[in-house]
């Protein structure tokens, strides 16, 4: 083990985001119009987990998901979730994940940046403006997500 790997582990162990966080709210803001919408319903479910070893797991599911019967229903399920995992690092008010597995294959091998703040036992997260694969017709959007520490 090198000194740099020990330092990185120590930094992550004392990180304000380390641990398990349960989803509280999830809304998306459309840059062009300023409108906000809840693409996964009023009561979506999800977690984000940050380990001391530097791994992140993020899963968010829409309210009311049901098992699919038809091929079309199975296809539609992909738009009612967001999930990815990878190695994360913290830089000031950002966490950056090098994605190694994702519900959307185009994210694999990319870095996903999120802005965050921790207020009491809440983690408030926003994405940069981007075209989200689940609703590209909306154009540039950003997600605003709130989690509660478990």
C-alpha atoms as a PDB file:
ATOM      1  CA  UNK A   1       0.000   0.000   0.000  1.00  0.00           C
ATOM      2  CA  UNK A   2       1.420   3.387  -0.970  1.00  0.00           C
ATOM      3  CA  UNK A   3       1.272   6.589   1.046  1.00  0.00           C
ATOM      4  CA  UNK A   4      -1.017   8.149  -1.578  1.00  0.00           C
ATOM      5  CA  UNK A   5      -3.544   5.293  -1.349  1.00  0.00           C
ATOM      6  CA  UNK A   6      -3.556   5.571   2.448  1.00  0.00           C
ATOM      7  CA  UNK A   7      -4.144   9.327   2.198  1.00  0.00           C
ATOM      8  CA  UNK A   8      -6.995   8.882  -0.287  1.00  0.00           C
ATOM      9  CA  UNK A   9      -8.666   6.317   1.985  1.00  0.00           C
ATOM     10  CA  UNK A  10      -8.308   8.555   5.032  1.00  0.00           C
ATOM     11  CA  UNK A  11      -9.815  11.478   3.140  1.00  0.00           C
ATOM     12  CA  UNK A  12     -12.826   9.432   2.046  1.00  0.00           C
ATOM     13  CA  UNK A  13     -13.335   7.947   5.520  1.00  0.00           C
ATOM     14  CA  UNK A  14     -13.747  11.430   6.970  1.00  0.00           C
ATOM     15  CA  UNK A  15     -15.913  12.584   4.071  1.00  0.00           C
ATOM     16  CA  UNK A  16     -19.226  14.272   4.884  1.00  0.00           C
ATOM     17  CA  UNK A  17     -20.980  12.135   2.231  1.00  0.00           C
ATOM     18  CA  UNK A  18     -19.738   8.720   3.330  1.00  0.00           C
ATOM     19  CA  UNK A  19     -22.574   6.392   4.269  1.00  0.00           C
ATOM     20  CA  UNK A  20     -26.078   5.544   3.112  1.00  0.00           C
ATOM     21  CA  UNK A  21     -28.606   8.178   2.044  1.00  0.00           C
ATOM     22  CA  UNK A  22     -32.303   7.610   1.300  1.00  0.00           C
ATOM     23  CA  UNK A  23     -34.118   9.625  -1.374  1.00  0.00           C
ATOM     24  CA  UNK A  24     -36.525  12.285  -0.112  1.00  0.00           C
ATOM     25  CA  UNK A  25     -37.359  14.329  -3.231  1.00  0.00           C
ATOM     26  CA  UNK A  26     -36.421  14.384  -6.895  1.00  0.00           C
ATOM     27  CA  UNK A  27     -37.344  17.139  -9.365  1.00  0.00           C
ATOM     28  CA  UNK A  28     -36.018  18.210 -12.720  1.00  0.00           C
ATOM     29  CA  UNK A  29     -35.727  21.815 -13.886  1.00  0.00           C
ATOM     30  CA  UNK A  30     -35.914  22.673 -17.610  1.00  0.00           C
ATOM     31  CA  UNK A  31     -33.385  25.353 -18.527  1.00  0.00           C
ATOM     32  CA  UNK A  32     -35.311  26.877 -21.444  1.00  0.00           C
ATOM     33  CA  UNK A  33     -38.629  27.369 -19.630  1.00  0.00           C
ATOM     34  CA  UNK A  34     -37.728  27.277 -15.924  1.00  0.00           C
ATOM     35  CA  UNK A  35     -40.481  24.690 -15.374  1.00  0.00           C
ATOM     36  CA  UNK A  36     -39.937  21.954 -12.796  1.00  0.00           C
ATOM     37  CA  UNK A  37     -41.415  18.488 -12.952  1.00  0.00           C
ATOM     38  CA  UNK A  38     -41.258  15.253 -10.967  1.00  0.00           C
ATOM     39  CA  UNK A  39     -40.393  12.706 -13.675  1.00  0.00           C
ATOM     40  CA  UNK A  40     -40.501   9.776 -11.286  1.00  0.00           C
ATOM     41  CA  UNK A  41     -43.712  10.800  -9.495  1.00  0.00           C
ATOM     42  CA  UNK A  42     -44.270  12.467  -6.142  1.00  0.00           C
ATOM     43  CA  UNK A  43     -42.868   9.529  -4.173  1.00  0.00           C
ATOM     44  CA  UNK A  44     -39.949   7.940  -6.012  1.00  0.00           C
ATOM     45  CA  UNK A  45     -37.596   5.640  -4.116  1.00  0.00           C
ATOM     46  CA  UNK A  46     -33.845   5.398  -4.125  1.00  0.00           C
ATOM     47  CA  UNK A  47     -30.536   5.417  -2.338  1.00  0.00           C
ATOM     48  CA  UNK A  48     -27.030   6.665  -2.824  1.00  0.00           C
ATOM     49  CA  UNK A  49     -24.240   4.866  -0.981  1.00  0.00           C
ATOM     50  CA  UNK A  50     -20.705   6.233  -0.587  1.00  0.00           C
ATOM     51  CA  UNK A  51     -18.166   3.749   0.802  1.00  0.00           C
ATOM     52  CA  UNK A  52     -14.937   4.603   2.614  1.00  0.00           C
ATOM     53  CA  UNK A  53     -13.094   2.741  -0.137  1.00  0.00           C
ATOM     54  CA  UNK A  54     -14.301   5.232  -2.745  1.00  0.00           C
ATOM     55  CA  UNK A  55     -17.174   3.352  -4.379  1.00  0.00           C
ATOM     56  CA  UNK A  56     -20.574   4.884  -5.069  1.00  0.00           C
ATOM     57  CA  UNK A  57     -23.879   3.191  -5.867  1.00  0.00           C
ATOM     58  CA  UNK A  58     -26.833   5.314  -6.991  1.00  0.00           C
ATOM     59  CA  UNK A  59     -30.319   3.948  -7.671  1.00  0.00           C
ATOM     60  CA  UNK A  60     -33.551   5.869  -8.197  1.00  0.00           C
ATOM     61  CA  UNK A  61     -36.890   4.312  -9.192  1.00  0.00           C
ATOM     62  CA  UNK A  62     -40.156   5.908 -10.196  1.00  0.00           C
ATOM     63  CA  UNK A  63     -43.221   5.736  -8.018  1.00  0.00           C
ATOM     64  CA  UNK A  64     -45.549   2.871  -8.850  1.00  0.00           C
ATOM     65  CA  UNK A  65     -43.280   0.709 -11.005  1.00  0.00           C
ATOM     66  CA  UNK A  66     -44.947  -2.594 -11.850  1.00  0.00           C
ATOM     67  CA  UNK A  67     -43.603  -5.850 -13.274  1.00  0.00           C
ATOM     68  CA  UNK A  68     -43.717  -5.867 -17.059  1.00  0.00           C
ATOM     69  CA  UNK A  69     -45.659  -8.373 -19.097  1.00  0.00           C
ATOM     70  CA  UNK A  70     -45.142  -7.227 -22.675  1.00  0.00           C
ATOM     71  CA  UNK A  71     -41.940  -6.320 -24.506  1.00  0.00           C
ATOM     72  CA  UNK A  72     -43.134  -2.701 -24.689  1.00  0.00           C
ATOM     73  CA  UNK A  73     -43.708  -2.581 -20.919  1.00  0.00           C
ATOM     74  CA  UNK A  74     -40.237  -4.031 -20.321  1.00  0.00           C
ATOM     75  CA  UNK A  75     -38.786  -1.403 -22.626  1.00  0.00           C
ATOM     76  CA  UNK A  76     -40.658   1.371 -20.789  1.00  0.00           C
ATOM     77  CA  UNK A  77     -39.181   0.308 -17.442  1.00  0.00           C
ATOM     78  CA  UNK A  78     -35.772   1.649 -18.468  1.00  0.00           C
ATOM     79  CA  UNK A  79     -37.220   5.182 -18.449  1.00  0.00           C
ATOM     80  CA  UNK A  80     -38.526   4.814 -14.909  1.00  0.00           C
ATOM     81  CA  UNK A  81     -35.161   4.433 -13.224  1.00  0.00           C
ATOM     82  CA  UNK A  82     -31.644   5.770 -12.981  1.00  0.00           C
ATOM     83  CA  UNK A  83     -28.839   3.555 -11.709  1.00  0.00           C
ATOM     84  CA  UNK A  84     -25.081   3.668 -11.833  1.00  0.00           C
ATOM     85  CA  UNK A  85     -22.016   2.718  -9.840  1.00  0.00           C
ATOM     86  CA  UNK A  86     -18.329   3.513  -9.956  1.00  0.00           C
ATOM     87  CA  UNK A  87     -15.379   5.048  -8.185  1.00  0.00           C
ATOM     88  CA  UNK A  88     -15.987   8.532  -6.791  1.00  0.00           C
ATOM     89  CA  UNK A  89     -13.831  11.406  -5.674  1.00  0.00           C
ATOM     90  CA  UNK A  90     -14.698  14.684  -3.978  1.00  0.00           C
ATOM     91  CA  UNK A  91     -13.501  18.069  -5.242  1.00  0.00           C
ATOM     92  CA  UNK A  92     -14.774  21.055  -3.257  1.00  0.00           C
ATOM     93  CA  UNK A  93     -18.585  21.081  -3.719  1.00  0.00           C
ATOM     94  CA  UNK A  94     -18.598  18.303  -6.348  1.00  0.00           C
ATOM     95  CA  UNK A  95     -18.547  14.551  -6.346  1.00  0.00           C
ATOM     96  CA  UNK A  96     -17.293  13.006  -9.543  1.00  0.00           C
ATOM     97  CA  UNK A  97     -17.964   9.354 -10.369  1.00  0.00           C
ATOM     98  CA  UNK A  98     -16.019   7.351 -12.924  1.00  0.00           C
ATOM     99  CA  UNK A  99     -18.916   5.139 -13.996  1.00  0.00           C
ATOM    100  CA  UNK A 100     -18.212   1.430 -14.504  1.00  0.00           C
ATOM    101  CA  UNK A 101     -21.823   0.131 -14.646  1.00  0.00           C
ATOM    102  CA  UNK A 102     -25.012   2.016 -15.562  1.00  0.00           C
ATOM    103  CA  UNK A 103     -28.619   1.561 -16.626  1.00  0.00           C
ATOM    104  CA  UNK A 104     -27.648   3.630 -19.661  1.00  0.00           C
ATOM    105  CA  UNK A 105     -24.584   2.132 -21.388  1.00  0.00           C
ATOM    106  CA  UNK A 106     -23.524   5.537 -22.754  1.00  0.00           C
ATOM    107  CA  UNK A 107     -22.544   6.548 -19.195  1.00  0.00           C
ATOM    108  CA  UNK A 108     -20.094   3.635 -18.762  1.00  0.00           C
ATOM    109  CA  UNK A 109     -16.528   4.956 -18.840  1.00  0.00           C
ATOM    110  CA  UNK A 110     -17.621   8.582 -18.398  1.00  0.00           C
ATOM    111  CA  UNK A 111     -17.247  10.878 -15.428  1.00  0.00           C
ATOM    112  CA  UNK A 112     -20.538  12.065 -13.952  1.00  0.00           C
ATOM    113  CA  UNK A 113     -20.285  15.272 -11.912  1.00  0.00           C
ATOM    114  CA  UNK A 114     -22.752  16.254  -9.207  1.00  0.00           C
ATOM    115  CA  UNK A 115     -22.786  19.363  -7.023  1.00  0.00           C
ATOM    116  CA  UNK A 116     -23.607  18.702  -3.387  1.00  0.00           C
ATOM    117  CA  UNK A 117     -23.993  20.208   0.041  1.00  0.00           C
ATOM    118  CA  UNK A 118     -24.675  18.557   3.371  1.00  0.00           C
ATOM    119  CA  UNK A 119     -27.077  20.386   5.678  1.00  0.00           C
ATOM    120  CA  UNK A 120     -27.676  18.622   8.985  1.00  0.00           C
ATOM    121  CA  UNK A 121     -28.585  15.055   7.941  1.00  0.00           C
ATOM    122  CA  UNK A 122     -29.625  16.008   4.401  1.00  0.00           C
ATOM    123  CA  UNK A 123     -27.601  15.690   1.217  1.00  0.00           C
ATOM    124  CA  UNK A 124     -28.716  18.166  -1.446  1.00  0.00           C
ATOM    125  CA  UNK A 125     -27.550  17.313  -4.946  1.00  0.00           C
ATOM    126  CA  UNK A 126     -27.823  18.946  -8.354  1.00  0.00           C
ATOM    127  CA  UNK A 127     -26.497  17.901 -11.715  1.00  0.00           C
ATOM    128  CA  UNK A 128     -24.890  20.174 -14.257  1.00  0.00           C
ATOM    129  CA  UNK A 129     -27.188  21.244 -17.079  1.00  0.00           C
ATOM    130  CA  UNK A 130     -27.340  18.412 -19.637  1.00  0.00           C
ATOM    131  CA  UNK A 131     -29.653  16.460 -21.918  1.00  0.00           C
ATOM    132  CA  UNK A 132     -30.858  13.518 -19.820  1.00  0.00           C
ATOM    133  CA  UNK A 133     -31.275  10.214 -21.673  1.00  0.00           C
ATOM    134  CA  UNK A 134     -34.645   9.523 -19.977  1.00  0.00           C
ATOM    135  CA  UNK A 135     -36.299  12.700 -21.401  1.00  0.00           C
ATOM    136  CA  UNK A 136     -34.163  14.143 -24.237  1.00  0.00           C
ATOM    137  CA  UNK A 137     -37.177  15.987 -25.679  1.00  0.00           C
ATOM    138  CA  UNK A 138     -36.968  18.430 -22.729  1.00  0.00           C
ATOM    139  CA  UNK A 139     -33.560  19.708 -23.883  1.00  0.00           C
ATOM    140  CA  UNK A 140     -31.140  20.973 -21.249  1.00  0.00           C
ATOM    141  CA  UNK A 141     -32.246  19.997 -17.750  1.00  0.00           C
ATOM    142  CA  UNK A 142     -30.768  19.581 -14.319  1.00  0.00           C
ATOM    143  CA  UNK A 143     -31.872  17.271 -11.554  1.00  0.00           C
ATOM    144  CA  UNK A 144     -32.271  18.468  -7.989  1.00  0.00           C
ATOM    145  CA  UNK A 145     -32.273  15.622  -5.497  1.00  0.00           C
ATOM    146  CA  UNK A 146     -32.550  15.570  -1.711  1.00  0.00           C
ATOM    147  CA  UNK A 147     -31.504  12.616   0.446  1.00  0.00           C
ATOM    148  CA  UNK A 148     -31.782  11.884   4.171  1.00  0.00           C
ATOM    149  CA  UNK A 149     -28.918  10.158   5.966  1.00  0.00           C
ATOM    150  CA  UNK A 150     -29.917   6.636   7.058  1.00  0.00           C
END
